Amino acid sequence: MGKKRAGLLLRVVSKSIDFILIMAAAEALPKAGWLAGLIYLLISDGLFEGRSIGKKLTGLRVEKATGAACTIKDSILRNSTLGAGLILWKVPIVGWLLLAAVVALEFVILIGSNEGSRLGDEIAKTSVVETAEAEQES
């Protein structure tokens, strides 16, 4: 039996948790927090065997086509679009609108994809699946 692709709701909740952590770091550490948040965003899916903190809490995992866990390199590739948007966030109003546009584009591509992939997944050749723990709970 193949692994179950992660549903949209779990993916949104997972990424929202990660963005909350990023914003908390930016607020808690005024000078270095934004950079720490950006670095976390880029590498997060390569942590904990392909699981960011948000994915770990929601029972999701990022995998390569081979079924191996997402690496730090894969994570940087798949999150580069969101990272570019986060960099733009530092520019008042215009940057915020561009970040919103990047997030909206990723979401539209995710919704329209037959494989449940966003642009970052296409770039890195990854997919998000439910872990065995999540499958046992459902």
C-alpha atoms as a PDB file:
ATOM      1  CA  MET A   1       0.000   0.000   0.000  1.00  0.00           C
ATOM      2  CA  GLY A   2       1.353   3.438  -0.971  1.00  0.00           C
ATOM      3  CA  LYS A   3       1.724   6.264   1.463  1.00  0.00           C
ATOM      4  CA  LYS A   4      -1.200   8.612   1.855  1.00  0.00           C
ATOM      5  CA  ARG A   5      -0.615  12.097   0.509  1.00  0.00           C
ATOM      6  CA  ALA A   6      -1.178  14.790   3.096  1.00  0.00           C
ATOM      7  CA  GLY A   7      -4.476  16.606   2.944  1.00  0.00           C
ATOM      8  CA  LEU A   8      -4.764  20.329   2.349  1.00  0.00           C
ATOM      9  CA  LEU A   9      -6.000  21.145   5.868  1.00  0.00           C
ATOM     10  CA  LEU A  10      -3.104  19.362   7.587  1.00  0.00           C
ATOM     11  CA  ARG A  11      -0.605  21.033   5.260  1.00  0.00           C
ATOM     12  CA  VAL A  12      -2.049  24.496   5.950  1.00  0.00           C
ATOM     13  CA  VAL A  13      -2.069  23.896   9.720  1.00  0.00           C
ATOM     14  CA  SER A  14       1.496  22.555   9.585  1.00  0.00           C
ATOM     15  CA  LYS A  15       2.864  25.530   7.633  1.00  0.00           C
ATOM     16  CA  SER A  16       0.876  27.943   9.827  1.00  0.00           C
ATOM     17  CA  ILE A  17       2.572  26.521  12.924  1.00  0.00           C
ATOM     18  CA  ASP A  18       5.946  27.010  11.247  1.00  0.00           C
ATOM     19  CA  PHE A  19       5.094  30.598  10.295  1.00  0.00           C
ATOM     20  CA  ILE A  20       3.981  31.314  13.877  1.00  0.00           C
ATOM     21  CA  LEU A  21       7.397  30.075  15.062  1.00  0.00           C
ATOM     22  CA  ILE A  22       9.120  32.263  12.459  1.00  0.00           C
ATOM     23  CA  MET A  23       7.169  35.364  13.501  1.00  0.00           C
ATOM     24  CA  ALA A  24       7.761  34.603  17.196  1.00  0.00           C
ATOM     25  CA  ALA A  25      11.510  34.440  16.547  1.00  0.00           C
ATOM     26  CA  ALA A  26      11.360  37.721  14.621  1.00  0.00           C
ATOM     27  CA  GLU A  27       9.574  39.416  17.523  1.00  0.00           C
ATOM     28  CA  ALA A  28      11.578  37.833  20.353  1.00  0.00           C
ATOM     29  CA  LEU A  29      14.984  38.611  18.852  1.00  0.00           C
ATOM     30  CA  PRO A  30      14.604  41.997  17.127  1.00  0.00           C
ATOM     31  CA  LYS A  31      17.953  42.058  15.324  1.00  0.00           C
ATOM     32  CA  ALA A  32      18.621  38.371  14.623  1.00  0.00           C
ATOM     33  CA  GLY A  33      15.129  36.879  14.866  1.00  0.00           C
ATOM     34  CA  TRP A  34      14.082  37.623  11.287  1.00  0.00           C
ATOM     35  CA  LEU A  35      17.251  35.989   9.948  1.00  0.00           C
ATOM     36  CA  ALA A  36      16.802  33.032  12.302  1.00  0.00           C
ATOM     37  CA  GLY A  37      13.209  32.691  11.098  1.00  0.00           C
ATOM     38  CA  LEU A  38      14.302  32.809   7.458  1.00  0.00           C
ATOM     39  CA  ILE A  39      16.940  30.146   8.058  1.00  0.00           C
ATOM     40  CA  TYR A  40      14.392  27.982   9.903  1.00  0.00           C
ATOM     41  CA  LEU A  41      11.919  28.355   7.025  1.00  0.00           C
ATOM     42  CA  LEU A  42      14.527  27.270   4.492  1.00  0.00           C
ATOM     43  CA  ILE A  43      15.884  24.232   6.388  1.00  0.00           C
ATOM     44  CA  SER A  44      12.833  23.218   8.461  1.00  0.00           C
ATOM     45  CA  ASP A  45      11.603  20.368   6.251  1.00  0.00           C
ATOM     46  CA  GLY A  46      15.047  18.771   6.353  1.00  0.00           C
ATOM     47  CA  LEU A  47      14.958  18.508  10.144  1.00  0.00           C
ATOM     48  CA  PHE A  48      13.641  15.535  12.137  1.00  0.00           C
ATOM     49  CA  GLU A  49      13.701  13.059   9.221  1.00  0.00           C
ATOM     50  CA  GLY A  50      11.825  15.323   6.807  1.00  0.00           C
ATOM     51  CA  ARG A  51       9.617  16.975   9.388  1.00  0.00           C
ATOM     52  CA  SER A  52       9.525  20.618  10.396  1.00  0.00           C
ATOM     53  CA  ILE A  53       8.141  21.312  13.861  1.00  0.00           C
ATOM     54  CA  GLY A  54       4.722  22.025  12.314  1.00  0.00           C
ATOM     55  CA  LYS A  55       4.814  18.785  10.328  1.00  0.00           C
ATOM     56  CA  LYS A  56       5.978  16.840  13.376  1.00  0.00           C
ATOM     57  CA  LEU A  57       2.980  18.150  15.346  1.00  0.00           C
ATOM     58  CA  THR A  58       0.503  17.362  12.554  1.00  0.00           C
ATOM     59  CA  GLY A  59       1.925  13.950  11.618  1.00  0.00           C
ATOM     60  CA  LEU A  60       3.288  14.878   8.202  1.00  0.00           C
ATOM     61  CA  ARG A  61       6.607  14.197   6.478  1.00  0.00           C
ATOM     62  CA  VAL A  62       8.320  15.549   3.370  1.00  0.00           C
ATOM     63  CA  GLU A  63       9.786  12.829   1.159  1.00  0.00           C
ATOM     64  CA  LYS A  64      11.703  12.559  -2.073  1.00  0.00           C
ATOM     65  CA  ALA A  65      10.306  10.431  -4.910  1.00  0.00           C
ATOM     66  CA  THR A  66      12.417   7.532  -3.583  1.00  0.00           C
ATOM     67  CA  GLY A  67      10.598   7.622  -0.238  1.00  0.00           C
ATOM     68  CA  ALA A  68      13.684   8.935   1.555  1.00  0.00           C
ATOM     69  CA  ALA A  69      13.267  11.820   3.968  1.00  0.00           C
ATOM     70  CA  CYS A  70      13.706  15.355   2.679  1.00  0.00           C
ATOM     71  CA  THR A  71      17.271  16.600   3.228  1.00  0.00           C
ATOM     72  CA  ILE A  72      18.384  20.099   4.211  1.00  0.00           C
ATOM     73  CA  LYS A  73      19.273  20.734   0.540  1.00  0.00           C
ATOM     74  CA  ASP A  74      15.830  19.557  -0.606  1.00  0.00           C
ATOM     75  CA  SER A  75      14.218  21.699   2.075  1.00  0.00           C
ATOM     76  CA  ILE A  76      16.079  24.806   0.915  1.00  0.00           C
ATOM     77  CA  LEU A  77      14.963  24.128  -2.662  1.00  0.00           C
ATOM     78  CA  ARG A  78      11.316  23.476  -1.772  1.00  0.00           C
ATOM     79  CA  ASN A  79      11.051  26.471   0.546  1.00  0.00           C
ATOM     80  CA  SER A  80      13.018  28.919  -1.631  1.00  0.00           C
ATOM     81  CA  THR A  81       9.829  30.454  -3.044  1.00  0.00           C
ATOM     82  CA  LEU A  82       8.470  31.136   0.433  1.00  0.00           C
ATOM     83  CA  GLY A  83      11.932  32.299   1.556  1.00  0.00           C
ATOM     84  CA  ALA A  84      12.020  34.843  -1.267  1.00  0.00           C
ATOM     85  CA  GLY A  85       8.627  36.075  -0.121  1.00  0.00           C
ATOM     86  CA  LEU A  86       9.837  36.327   3.477  1.00  0.00           C
ATOM     87  CA  ILE A  87      12.864  38.356   2.357  1.00  0.00           C
ATOM     88  CA  LEU A  88      10.493  40.754   0.584  1.00  0.00           C
ATOM     89  CA  TRP A  89       8.449  41.058   3.800  1.00  0.00           C
ATOM     90  CA  LYS A  90      11.102  43.448   5.133  1.00  0.00           C
ATOM     91  CA  VAL A  91       9.958  46.048   2.573  1.00  0.00           C
ATOM     92  CA  PRO A  92       6.875  47.800   4.033  1.00  0.00           C
ATOM     93  CA  ILE A  93       3.584  47.473   2.125  1.00  0.00           C
ATOM     94  CA  VAL A  94       5.081  46.421  -1.250  1.00  0.00           C
ATOM     95  CA  GLY A  95       6.979  43.547   0.372  1.00  0.00           C
ATOM     96  CA  TRP A  96       3.940  42.490   2.362  1.00  0.00           C
ATOM     97  CA  LEU A  97       1.842  42.412  -0.791  1.00  0.00           C
ATOM     98  CA  LEU A  98       4.517  40.428  -2.620  1.00  0.00           C
ATOM     99  CA  LEU A  99       4.731  37.924   0.254  1.00  0.00           C
ATOM    100  CA  ALA A 100       0.949  37.570   0.157  1.00  0.00           C
ATOM    101  CA  ALA A 101       1.154  37.032  -3.623  1.00  0.00           C
ATOM    102  CA  VAL A 102       3.823  34.314  -3.225  1.00  0.00           C
ATOM    103  CA  VAL A 103       1.771  32.505  -0.577  1.00  0.00           C
ATOM    104  CA  ALA A 104      -1.382  32.830  -2.701  1.00  0.00           C
ATOM    105  CA  LEU A 105       0.433  31.488  -5.789  1.00  0.00           C
ATOM    106  CA  GLU A 106       1.756  28.492  -3.828  1.00  0.00           C
ATOM    107  CA  PHE A 107      -1.754  27.828  -2.476  1.00  0.00           C
ATOM    108  CA  VAL A 108      -3.408  28.053  -5.906  1.00  0.00           C
ATOM    109  CA  ILE A 109      -0.828  25.685  -7.416  1.00  0.00           C
ATOM    110  CA  LEU A 110      -1.335  23.274  -4.495  1.00  0.00           C
ATOM    111  CA  ILE A 111      -5.122  23.292  -4.909  1.00  0.00           C
ATOM    112  CA  GLY A 112      -4.873  22.837  -8.676  1.00  0.00           C
ATOM    113  CA  SER A 113      -2.304  20.047  -8.581  1.00  0.00           C
ATOM    114  CA  ASN A 114      -3.449  16.475  -9.169  1.00  0.00           C
ATOM    115  CA  GLU A 115      -0.448  15.252  -7.162  1.00  0.00           C
ATOM    116  CA  GLY A 116      -1.016  17.645  -4.232  1.00  0.00           C
ATOM    117  CA  SER A 117       2.201  19.535  -4.970  1.00  0.00           C
ATOM    118  CA  ARG A 118       2.968  23.199  -4.559  1.00  0.00           C
ATOM    119  CA  LEU A 119       5.595  24.995  -6.632  1.00  0.00           C
ATOM    120  CA  GLY A 120       8.285  24.249  -4.035  1.00  0.00           C
ATOM    121  CA  ASP A 121       7.505  20.525  -4.251  1.00  0.00           C
ATOM    122  CA  GLU A 122       7.848  20.645  -8.035  1.00  0.00           C
ATOM    123  CA  ILE A 123      11.215  22.414  -7.771  1.00  0.00           C
ATOM    124  CA  ALA A 124      12.628  19.978  -5.179  1.00  0.00           C
ATOM    125  CA  LYS A 125      10.827  16.855  -6.467  1.00  0.00           C
ATOM    126  CA  THR A 126       9.280  16.199  -3.056  1.00  0.00           C
ATOM    127  CA  SER A 127       5.855  15.331  -1.694  1.00  0.00           C
ATOM    128  CA  VAL A 128       4.178  15.619   1.688  1.00  0.00           C
ATOM    129  CA  VAL A 129       2.736  12.425   3.144  1.00  0.00           C
ATOM    130  CA  GLU A 130       1.062  11.372   6.359  1.00  0.00           C
ATOM    131  CA  THR A 131       3.307   9.447   8.723  1.00  0.00           C
ATOM    132  CA  ALA A 132       2.488   6.035  10.151  1.00  0.00           C
ATOM    133  CA  GLU A 133       1.538   7.677  13.475  1.00  0.00           C
ATOM    134  CA  ALA A 134      -1.000   9.921  11.727  1.00  0.00           C
ATOM    135  CA  GLU A 135      -2.449   7.004   9.758  1.00  0.00           C
ATOM    136  CA  GLN A 136      -2.934   4.982  12.952  1.00  0.00           C
ATOM    137  CA  GLU A 137      -4.826   7.872  14.582  1.00  0.00           C
ATOM    138  CA  SER A 138      -7.283   8.292  11.680  1.00  0.00           C
END
